[in-house]
Amino acid sequence: MKKQLLALTLATLTTSSLFAATTATLLLKGTVAPVMSISLTAEPLAASLPLQTTQNASKVATVTEVSNSTSGYKITLSSAHNGKLRRTSGNEEFPYSLTYGTQGGINLNSQYVISNPQAAAVNVNKDVKISYTGVPAASMVAGEYTDTITFTIAAN
């Protein structure tokens, strides 16, 4: 019985060394979480537009776009008053147009969408500029004229 056990042990040791591996692999893996954000820093001019003075691409804000989407992303601009400053407690309107980054002449009478279709890691600042033709104060109803523009970022 001892001889049989010894023979079995020797056979096992000999067979194991015949099948020993000559290579090994290690899988390295990491995960990057999706990031999608937009922020805005307004210039002082945005809160005190001189409506009697014509403005031509005057900077009113800087928008920061951040995305690492695998399908790219889009920016949507929308206006509470369809691209017009409206007198508070009134219906009088003052039209304007915007430039966003390199996209000029943006009319916000409906939503405006800018598509960035490539997958990429993006962290970019874009200037927002306003243009309008000034109107003499005597030709406008007195009061404060406002509009709210909403900037939205979303994956494609």
N, C-alpha and C. Protein backbone atom coordinates (compact mmCIF):
# COMPACT_ATOMS: atom_id res chain seq x y z
N MET A 1 0.82 -1.18 0.00
CA MET A 1 0.00 0.00 0.00
C MET A 1 0.87 1.26 0.00
N LYS A 2 1.98 1.23 0.78
CA LYS A 2 2.87 2.38 0.82
C LYS A 2 3.54 2.56 -0.54
N LYS A 3 3.87 1.44 -1.20
CA LYS A 3 4.52 1.54 -2.50
C LYS A 3 3.57 2.12 -3.54
N GLN A 4 2.29 1.74 -3.43
CA GLN A 4 1.30 2.27 -4.37
C GLN A 4 1.10 3.77 -4.17
N LEU A 5 1.05 4.18 -2.90
CA LEU A 5 0.88 5.60 -2.58
C LEU A 5 2.09 6.40 -3.07
N LEU A 6 3.28 5.85 -2.87
CA LEU A 6 4.49 6.51 -3.30
C LEU A 6 4.52 6.62 -4.84
N ALA A 7 4.12 5.56 -5.54
CA ALA A 7 4.09 5.57 -6.99
C ALA A 7 3.07 6.58 -7.51
N LEU A 8 1.90 6.66 -6.87
CA LEU A 8 0.86 7.63 -7.26
C LEU A 8 1.35 9.06 -7.05
N THR A 9 2.02 9.31 -5.94
CA THR A 9 2.54 10.64 -5.64
C THR A 9 3.59 11.04 -6.68
N LEU A 10 4.51 10.13 -7.01
CA LEU A 10 5.53 10.43 -8.00
C LEU A 10 4.92 10.68 -9.37
N ALA A 11 3.91 9.92 -9.73
CA ALA A 11 3.24 10.11 -11.01
C ALA A 11 2.55 11.47 -11.08
N THR A 12 1.94 11.86 -9.99
CA THR A 12 1.25 13.16 -9.94
C THR A 12 2.26 14.31 -10.07
N LEU A 13 3.36 14.22 -9.35
CA LEU A 13 4.37 15.28 -9.40
C LEU A 13 4.99 15.37 -10.80
N THR A 14 5.23 14.25 -11.41
CA THR A 14 5.82 14.22 -12.74
C THR A 14 4.85 14.79 -13.77
N THR A 15 3.58 14.40 -13.69
CA THR A 15 2.57 14.87 -14.63
C THR A 15 2.33 16.37 -14.46
N SER A 16 2.30 16.89 -13.24
CA SER A 16 2.07 18.31 -12.98
C SER A 16 3.15 19.17 -13.61
N SER A 17 4.40 18.73 -13.55
CA SER A 17 5.47 19.53 -14.12
C SER A 17 5.42 19.52 -15.64
N LEU A 18 4.83 18.48 -16.23
CA LEU A 18 4.70 18.45 -17.67
C LEU A 18 3.70 19.49 -18.18
N PHE A 19 2.68 19.84 -17.40
CA PHE A 19 1.65 20.79 -17.79
C PHE A 19 1.81 22.19 -17.16
N ALA A 20 2.93 22.52 -16.64
CA ALA A 20 3.17 23.82 -16.03
C ALA A 20 3.10 24.92 -17.10
N ALA A 21 2.47 26.06 -16.79
CA ALA A 21 2.31 27.16 -17.74
C ALA A 21 3.62 27.88 -17.97
N THR A 22 3.79 28.37 -19.19
CA THR A 22 4.99 29.16 -19.52
C THR A 22 4.65 30.64 -19.67
N THR A 23 3.35 31.00 -19.65
CA THR A 23 2.92 32.40 -19.69
C THR A 23 1.75 32.58 -18.74
N ALA A 24 1.52 33.81 -18.36
CA ALA A 24 0.37 34.16 -17.51
C ALA A 24 -0.13 35.53 -17.97
N THR A 25 -1.39 35.81 -17.78
CA THR A 25 -1.95 37.09 -18.19
C THR A 25 -2.56 37.81 -17.00
N LEU A 26 -2.57 39.12 -17.09
CA LEU A 26 -3.18 39.97 -16.07
C LEU A 26 -4.08 40.97 -16.78
N LEU A 27 -5.33 40.97 -16.44
CA LEU A 27 -6.28 41.93 -17.02
C LEU A 27 -6.28 43.19 -16.16
N LEU A 28 -5.94 44.31 -16.78
CA LEU A 28 -6.01 45.61 -16.11
C LEU A 28 -7.24 46.32 -16.65
N LYS A 29 -8.03 46.91 -15.78
CA LYS A 29 -9.29 47.51 -16.20
C LYS A 29 -9.60 48.72 -15.33
N GLY A 30 -10.09 49.78 -15.96
CA GLY A 30 -10.53 50.98 -15.24
C GLY A 30 -11.80 51.50 -15.86
N THR A 31 -12.50 52.31 -15.15
CA THR A 31 -13.76 52.86 -15.63
C THR A 31 -13.74 54.37 -15.46
N VAL A 32 -14.18 55.08 -16.49
CA VAL A 32 -14.31 56.54 -16.43
C VAL A 32 -15.80 56.86 -16.36
N ALA A 33 -16.19 57.54 -15.32
CA ALA A 33 -17.59 57.92 -15.14
C ALA A 33 -17.97 59.02 -16.14
N PRO A 34 -19.22 59.02 -16.61
CA PRO A 34 -19.64 60.09 -17.52
C PRO A 34 -19.70 61.44 -16.80
N VAL A 35 -19.31 62.47 -17.53
CA VAL A 35 -19.34 63.83 -17.00
C VAL A 35 -20.08 64.70 -18.01
N MET A 36 -21.03 65.49 -17.53
CA MET A 36 -21.79 66.38 -18.40
C MET A 36 -22.23 67.57 -17.54
N SER A 37 -21.68 68.76 -17.85
CA SER A 37 -22.09 69.93 -17.07
C SER A 37 -21.93 71.20 -17.90
N ILE A 38 -22.67 72.21 -17.49
CA ILE A 38 -22.58 73.52 -18.12
C ILE A 38 -22.68 74.57 -17.01
N SER A 39 -21.88 75.61 -17.12
CA SER A 39 -21.95 76.70 -16.15
C SER A 39 -21.79 78.02 -16.89
N LEU A 40 -22.21 79.10 -16.25
CA LEU A 40 -22.21 80.41 -16.89
C LEU A 40 -21.72 81.47 -15.91
N THR A 41 -20.88 82.36 -16.41
CA THR A 41 -20.44 83.52 -15.64
C THR A 41 -20.86 84.76 -16.43
N ALA A 42 -21.74 85.56 -15.84
CA ALA A 42 -22.25 86.76 -16.51
C ALA A 42 -21.27 87.92 -16.37
N GLU A 43 -21.21 88.73 -17.40
CA GLU A 43 -20.45 89.98 -17.37
C GLU A 43 -21.35 91.07 -16.76
N PRO A 44 -20.79 92.12 -16.15
CA PRO A 44 -21.62 93.19 -15.60
C PRO A 44 -22.57 93.81 -16.63
N LEU A 45 -22.17 93.88 -17.89
CA LEU A 45 -23.00 94.46 -18.93
C LEU A 45 -24.36 93.76 -19.04
N ALA A 46 -24.39 92.46 -18.78
CA ALA A 46 -25.64 91.67 -18.93
C ALA A 46 -26.77 92.21 -18.06
N ALA A 47 -26.43 92.77 -16.92
CA ALA A 47 -27.44 93.26 -15.97
C ALA A 47 -27.75 94.74 -16.15
N SER A 48 -27.06 95.40 -17.07
CA SER A 48 -27.29 96.84 -17.25
C SER A 48 -27.08 97.23 -18.71
N LEU A 49 -27.80 96.58 -19.60
CA LEU A 49 -27.67 96.87 -21.03
C LEU A 49 -28.13 98.30 -21.34
N PRO A 50 -27.32 99.08 -22.02
CA PRO A 50 -27.72 100.42 -22.42
C PRO A 50 -28.58 100.34 -23.70
N LEU A 51 -29.87 100.25 -23.54
CA LEU A 51 -30.76 100.00 -24.68
C LEU A 51 -30.79 101.15 -25.68
N GLN A 52 -30.37 102.33 -25.29
CA GLN A 52 -30.34 103.46 -26.21
C GLN A 52 -29.06 103.46 -27.06
N THR A 53 -28.10 102.58 -26.74
CA THR A 53 -26.83 102.53 -27.45
C THR A 53 -26.71 101.22 -28.21
N THR A 54 -26.47 101.28 -29.50
CA THR A 54 -26.32 100.08 -30.32
C THR A 54 -25.15 99.24 -29.81
N GLN A 55 -25.38 97.95 -29.73
CA GLN A 55 -24.34 97.01 -29.32
C GLN A 55 -24.06 96.06 -30.48
N ASN A 56 -22.79 95.84 -30.75
CA ASN A 56 -22.39 94.93 -31.83
C ASN A 56 -21.44 93.89 -31.25
N ALA A 57 -21.96 92.70 -30.96
CA ALA A 57 -21.17 91.59 -30.41
C ALA A 57 -20.49 91.98 -29.10
N SER A 58 -21.26 92.55 -28.18
CA SER A 58 -20.75 92.91 -26.86
C SER A 58 -20.86 91.69 -25.94
N LYS A 59 -19.76 91.36 -25.29
CA LYS A 59 -19.72 90.16 -24.44
C LYS A 59 -20.59 90.35 -23.20
N VAL A 60 -21.51 89.38 -22.98
CA VAL A 60 -22.38 89.43 -21.81
C VAL A 60 -22.19 88.23 -20.88
N ALA A 61 -21.47 87.19 -21.33
CA ALA A 61 -21.25 86.01 -20.47
C ALA A 61 -20.20 85.10 -21.08
N THR A 62 -19.72 84.19 -20.24
CA THR A 62 -18.87 83.09 -20.67
C THR A 62 -19.54 81.80 -20.19
N VAL A 63 -19.71 80.85 -21.11
CA VAL A 63 -20.30 79.55 -20.78
C VAL A 63 -19.19 78.52 -20.83
N THR A 64 -19.15 77.63 -19.82
CA THR A 64 -18.20 76.53 -19.79
C THR A 64 -18.94 75.23 -20.05
N GLU A 65 -18.55 74.54 -21.11
CA GLU A 65 -19.13 73.24 -21.47
C GLU A 65 -18.14 72.15 -21.05
N VAL A 66 -18.65 71.12 -20.36
CA VAL A 66 -17.82 69.98 -19.97
C VAL A 66 -18.56 68.71 -20.34
N SER A 67 -17.89 67.84 -21.11
CA SER A 67 -18.51 66.58 -21.53
C SER A 67 -17.43 65.56 -21.88
N ASN A 68 -17.72 64.31 -21.56
CA ASN A 68 -16.89 63.21 -22.03
C ASN A 68 -17.77 62.11 -22.63
N SER A 69 -18.89 62.52 -23.17
CA SER A 69 -19.87 61.59 -23.73
C SER A 69 -19.31 60.82 -24.92
N THR A 70 -19.62 59.54 -24.98
CA THR A 70 -19.17 58.72 -26.10
C THR A 70 -19.96 59.00 -27.37
N SER A 71 -21.07 59.71 -27.26
CA SER A 71 -21.89 60.03 -28.43
C SER A 71 -21.85 61.51 -28.77
N GLY A 72 -20.95 62.28 -28.15
CA GLY A 72 -20.94 63.72 -28.34
C GLY A 72 -22.04 64.36 -27.50
N TYR A 73 -22.27 65.65 -27.72
CA TYR A 73 -23.27 66.36 -26.93
C TYR A 73 -23.87 67.50 -27.73
N LYS A 74 -24.95 68.06 -27.18
CA LYS A 74 -25.58 69.22 -27.82
C LYS A 74 -25.86 70.27 -26.76
N ILE A 75 -25.83 71.51 -27.21
CA ILE A 75 -26.17 72.67 -26.37
C ILE A 75 -27.46 73.24 -26.93
N THR A 76 -28.42 73.46 -26.06
CA THR A 76 -29.69 74.07 -26.46
C THR A 76 -29.83 75.42 -25.77
N LEU A 77 -30.12 76.45 -26.56
CA LEU A 77 -30.38 77.78 -26.02
C LEU A 77 -31.87 78.06 -26.20
N SER A 78 -32.50 78.54 -25.16
CA SER A 78 -33.92 78.92 -25.26
C SER A 78 -34.14 80.22 -24.49
N SER A 79 -35.10 80.98 -24.97
CA SER A 79 -35.39 82.31 -24.42
C SER A 79 -36.80 82.34 -23.84
N ALA A 80 -36.94 82.95 -22.69
CA ALA A 80 -38.26 83.07 -22.06
C ALA A 80 -39.19 83.96 -22.88
N HIS A 81 -38.63 84.91 -23.64
CA HIS A 81 -39.44 85.86 -24.42
C HIS A 81 -39.11 85.80 -25.91
N ASN A 82 -38.76 84.62 -26.39
CA ASN A 82 -38.51 84.42 -27.82
C ASN A 82 -37.47 85.37 -28.41
N GLY A 83 -36.39 85.58 -27.68
CA GLY A 83 -35.31 86.40 -28.21
C GLY A 83 -35.55 87.89 -28.17
N LYS A 84 -36.40 88.33 -27.25
CA LYS A 84 -36.66 89.76 -27.11
C LYS A 84 -36.63 90.13 -25.63
N LEU A 85 -36.11 91.32 -25.36
CA LEU A 85 -36.24 91.86 -24.01
C LEU A 85 -37.66 92.39 -23.89
N ARG A 86 -38.35 92.04 -22.84
CA ARG A 86 -39.74 92.47 -22.66
C ARG A 86 -39.82 93.34 -21.41
N ARG A 87 -40.59 94.43 -21.53
CA ARG A 87 -40.74 95.33 -20.38
C ARG A 87 -41.51 94.63 -19.28
N THR A 88 -40.94 94.67 -18.07
CA THR A 88 -41.60 94.10 -16.91
C THR A 88 -42.93 94.81 -16.72
N SER A 89 -43.99 94.07 -16.47
CA SER A 89 -45.35 94.61 -16.31
C SER A 89 -45.86 95.28 -17.59
N GLY A 90 -45.39 94.79 -18.73
CA GLY A 90 -45.85 95.35 -20.00
C GLY A 90 -45.62 94.36 -21.13
N ASN A 91 -45.97 94.79 -22.31
CA ASN A 91 -45.81 93.94 -23.50
C ASN A 91 -44.81 94.50 -24.50
N GLU A 92 -44.21 95.66 -24.22
CA GLU A 92 -43.26 96.26 -25.13
C GLU A 92 -42.01 95.37 -25.22
N GLU A 93 -41.49 95.23 -26.44
CA GLU A 93 -40.36 94.33 -26.64
C GLU A 93 -39.21 95.03 -27.35
N PHE A 94 -38.02 94.50 -27.13
CA PHE A 94 -36.78 95.04 -27.68
C PHE A 94 -35.99 93.86 -28.25
N PRO A 95 -35.90 93.73 -29.59
CA PRO A 95 -35.24 92.57 -30.19
C PRO A 95 -33.72 92.62 -30.08
N TYR A 96 -33.13 91.45 -30.04
CA TYR A 96 -31.67 91.32 -30.02
C TYR A 96 -31.28 90.00 -30.68
N SER A 97 -30.00 89.83 -30.96
CA SER A 97 -29.48 88.54 -31.43
C SER A 97 -28.22 88.21 -30.63
N LEU A 98 -27.86 86.94 -30.63
CA LEU A 98 -26.71 86.48 -29.86
C LEU A 98 -25.66 85.84 -30.75
N THR A 99 -24.45 85.84 -30.24
CA THR A 99 -23.36 85.01 -30.76
C THR A 99 -22.96 84.09 -29.63
N TYR A 100 -22.83 82.79 -29.94
CA TYR A 100 -22.39 81.81 -28.95
C TYR A 100 -21.15 81.12 -29.49
N GLY A 101 -20.01 81.42 -28.90
CA GLY A 101 -18.76 80.91 -29.46
C GLY A 101 -18.58 81.47 -30.85
N THR A 102 -18.53 80.61 -31.85
CA THR A 102 -18.37 81.06 -33.24
C THR A 102 -19.70 81.10 -33.99
N GLN A 103 -20.80 80.73 -33.34
CA GLN A 103 -22.12 80.71 -33.97
C GLN A 103 -22.74 82.11 -33.83
N GLY A 104 -22.79 82.86 -34.90
CA GLY A 104 -23.31 84.22 -34.85
C GLY A 104 -24.74 84.33 -35.34
N GLY A 105 -25.36 85.46 -35.07
CA GLY A 105 -26.70 85.76 -35.56
C GLY A 105 -27.78 84.83 -35.04
N ILE A 106 -27.63 84.35 -33.83
CA ILE A 106 -28.60 83.41 -33.26
C ILE A 106 -29.88 84.16 -32.93
N ASN A 107 -30.97 83.72 -33.52
CA ASN A 107 -32.30 84.27 -33.25
C ASN A 107 -33.03 83.28 -32.35
N LEU A 108 -33.44 83.72 -31.20
CA LEU A 108 -34.06 82.82 -30.22
C LEU A 108 -35.58 82.86 -30.24
N ASN A 109 -36.19 83.11 -31.41
CA ASN A 109 -37.65 83.05 -31.46
C ASN A 109 -38.13 81.60 -31.33
N SER A 110 -37.18 80.64 -31.37
CA SER A 110 -37.43 79.24 -31.01
C SER A 110 -36.12 78.70 -30.46
N GLN A 111 -36.16 77.48 -29.92
CA GLN A 111 -34.93 76.89 -29.37
C GLN A 111 -33.86 76.81 -30.44
N TYR A 112 -32.63 77.02 -30.04
CA TYR A 112 -31.49 76.94 -30.95
C TYR A 112 -30.58 75.83 -30.44
N VAL A 113 -30.28 74.85 -31.30
CA VAL A 113 -29.49 73.69 -30.89
C VAL A 113 -28.17 73.68 -31.64
N ILE A 114 -27.09 73.49 -30.89
CA ILE A 114 -25.75 73.37 -31.44
C ILE A 114 -25.28 71.94 -31.13
N SER A 115 -24.98 71.18 -32.18
CA SER A 115 -24.60 69.78 -31.99
C SER A 115 -23.09 69.60 -32.12
N ASN A 116 -22.55 68.81 -31.21
CA ASN A 116 -21.14 68.42 -31.24
C ASN A 116 -21.12 66.89 -31.31
N PRO A 117 -21.10 66.32 -32.52
CA PRO A 117 -21.37 64.88 -32.68
C PRO A 117 -20.23 63.93 -32.32
N GLN A 118 -19.00 64.41 -32.17
CA GLN A 118 -17.89 63.51 -31.90
C GLN A 118 -17.74 63.17 -30.41
N ALA A 119 -17.34 61.92 -30.17
CA ALA A 119 -16.98 61.52 -28.81
C ALA A 119 -15.66 62.19 -28.48
N ALA A 120 -15.60 62.87 -27.36
CA ALA A 120 -14.37 63.57 -26.96
C ALA A 120 -14.50 64.03 -25.52
N ALA A 121 -13.36 64.22 -24.90
CA ALA A 121 -13.33 64.85 -23.58
C ALA A 121 -13.21 66.36 -23.83
N VAL A 122 -14.23 67.11 -23.43
CA VAL A 122 -14.30 68.54 -23.74
C VAL A 122 -14.45 69.35 -22.46
N ASN A 123 -13.66 70.39 -22.33
CA ASN A 123 -13.81 71.38 -21.26
C ASN A 123 -13.45 72.71 -21.92
N VAL A 124 -14.48 73.42 -22.40
CA VAL A 124 -14.24 74.60 -23.24
C VAL A 124 -15.09 75.78 -22.77
N ASN A 125 -14.53 76.96 -22.90
CA ASN A 125 -15.25 78.20 -22.60
C ASN A 125 -15.70 78.85 -23.90
N LYS A 126 -16.94 79.32 -23.91
CA LYS A 126 -17.46 80.01 -25.10
C LYS A 126 -18.07 81.34 -24.66
N ASP A 127 -17.74 82.39 -25.41
CA ASP A 127 -18.29 83.71 -25.12
C ASP A 127 -19.71 83.83 -25.65
N VAL A 128 -20.54 84.53 -24.90
CA VAL A 128 -21.90 84.88 -25.34
C VAL A 128 -21.88 86.39 -25.57
N LYS A 129 -22.26 86.79 -26.78
CA LYS A 129 -22.24 88.21 -27.14
C LYS A 129 -23.61 88.62 -27.65
N ILE A 130 -23.99 89.86 -27.36
CA ILE A 130 -25.30 90.38 -27.76
C ILE A 130 -25.12 91.50 -28.78
N SER A 131 -26.08 91.56 -29.69
CA SER A 131 -26.12 92.65 -30.68
C SER A 131 -27.55 93.16 -30.78
N TYR A 132 -27.68 94.48 -30.88
CA TYR A 132 -28.99 95.10 -31.10
C TYR A 132 -28.79 96.54 -31.54
N THR A 133 -29.84 97.10 -32.08
CA THR A 133 -29.83 98.50 -32.49
C THR A 133 -30.44 99.33 -31.37
N GLY A 134 -29.68 100.32 -30.91
CA GLY A 134 -30.16 101.17 -29.83
C GLY A 134 -31.37 102.00 -30.26
N VAL A 135 -32.22 102.29 -29.27
CA VAL A 135 -33.42 103.09 -29.50
C VAL A 135 -33.41 104.25 -28.50
N PRO A 136 -33.67 105.47 -28.94
CA PRO A 136 -33.70 106.60 -27.99
C PRO A 136 -34.74 106.36 -26.89
N ALA A 137 -34.41 106.77 -25.69
CA ALA A 137 -35.30 106.56 -24.54
C ALA A 137 -36.68 107.18 -24.79
N ALA A 138 -36.73 108.31 -25.49
CA ALA A 138 -38.01 108.98 -25.75
C ALA A 138 -38.91 108.15 -26.67
N SER A 139 -38.35 107.14 -27.34
CA SER A 139 -39.13 106.30 -28.25
C SER A 139 -39.56 104.98 -27.61
N MET A 140 -39.24 104.80 -26.31
CA MET A 140 -39.57 103.55 -25.62
C MET A 140 -40.36 103.86 -24.35
N VAL A 141 -41.18 102.91 -23.94
CA VAL A 141 -41.88 103.05 -22.66
C VAL A 141 -40.86 102.82 -21.55
N ALA A 142 -40.87 103.70 -20.55
CA ALA A 142 -39.92 103.60 -19.45
C ALA A 142 -40.13 102.30 -18.68
N GLY A 143 -39.04 101.75 -18.15
CA GLY A 143 -39.12 100.55 -17.33
C GLY A 143 -37.94 99.63 -17.58
N GLU A 144 -37.99 98.51 -16.92
CA GLU A 144 -36.94 97.50 -17.04
C GLU A 144 -37.35 96.46 -18.08
N TYR A 145 -36.44 96.15 -18.99
CA TYR A 145 -36.68 95.17 -20.04
C TYR A 145 -35.79 93.95 -19.77
N THR A 146 -36.37 92.76 -19.74
CA THR A 146 -35.60 91.57 -19.38
C THR A 146 -35.93 90.38 -20.30
N ASP A 147 -35.03 89.46 -20.32
CA ASP A 147 -35.25 88.14 -20.93
C ASP A 147 -34.33 87.17 -20.18
N THR A 148 -34.72 85.93 -20.11
CA THR A 148 -33.90 84.89 -19.49
C THR A 148 -33.57 83.86 -20.56
N ILE A 149 -32.28 83.62 -20.74
CA ILE A 149 -31.82 82.61 -21.71
C ILE A 149 -31.35 81.41 -20.91
N THR A 150 -31.84 80.24 -21.29
CA THR A 150 -31.46 79.00 -20.63
C THR A 150 -30.53 78.21 -21.55
N PHE A 151 -29.39 77.80 -21.00
CA PHE A 151 -28.41 77.00 -21.72
C PHE A 151 -28.46 75.58 -21.13
N THR A 152 -28.66 74.59 -21.99
CA THR A 152 -28.78 73.21 -21.54
C THR A 152 -27.78 72.35 -22.30
N ILE A 153 -27.12 71.42 -21.59
CA ILE A 153 -26.21 70.48 -22.23
C ILE A 153 -26.80 69.08 -22.05
N ALA A 154 -26.70 68.26 -23.10
CA ALA A 154 -27.21 66.89 -23.04
C ALA A 154 -26.42 66.03 -24.02
N ALA A 155 -26.31 64.74 -23.72
CA ALA A 155 -25.64 63.81 -24.62
C ALA A 155 -26.50 63.64 -25.88
N ASN A 156 -25.84 63.41 -27.00
CA ASN A 156 -26.55 63.13 -28.26
C ASN A 156 -27.23 61.77 -28.16
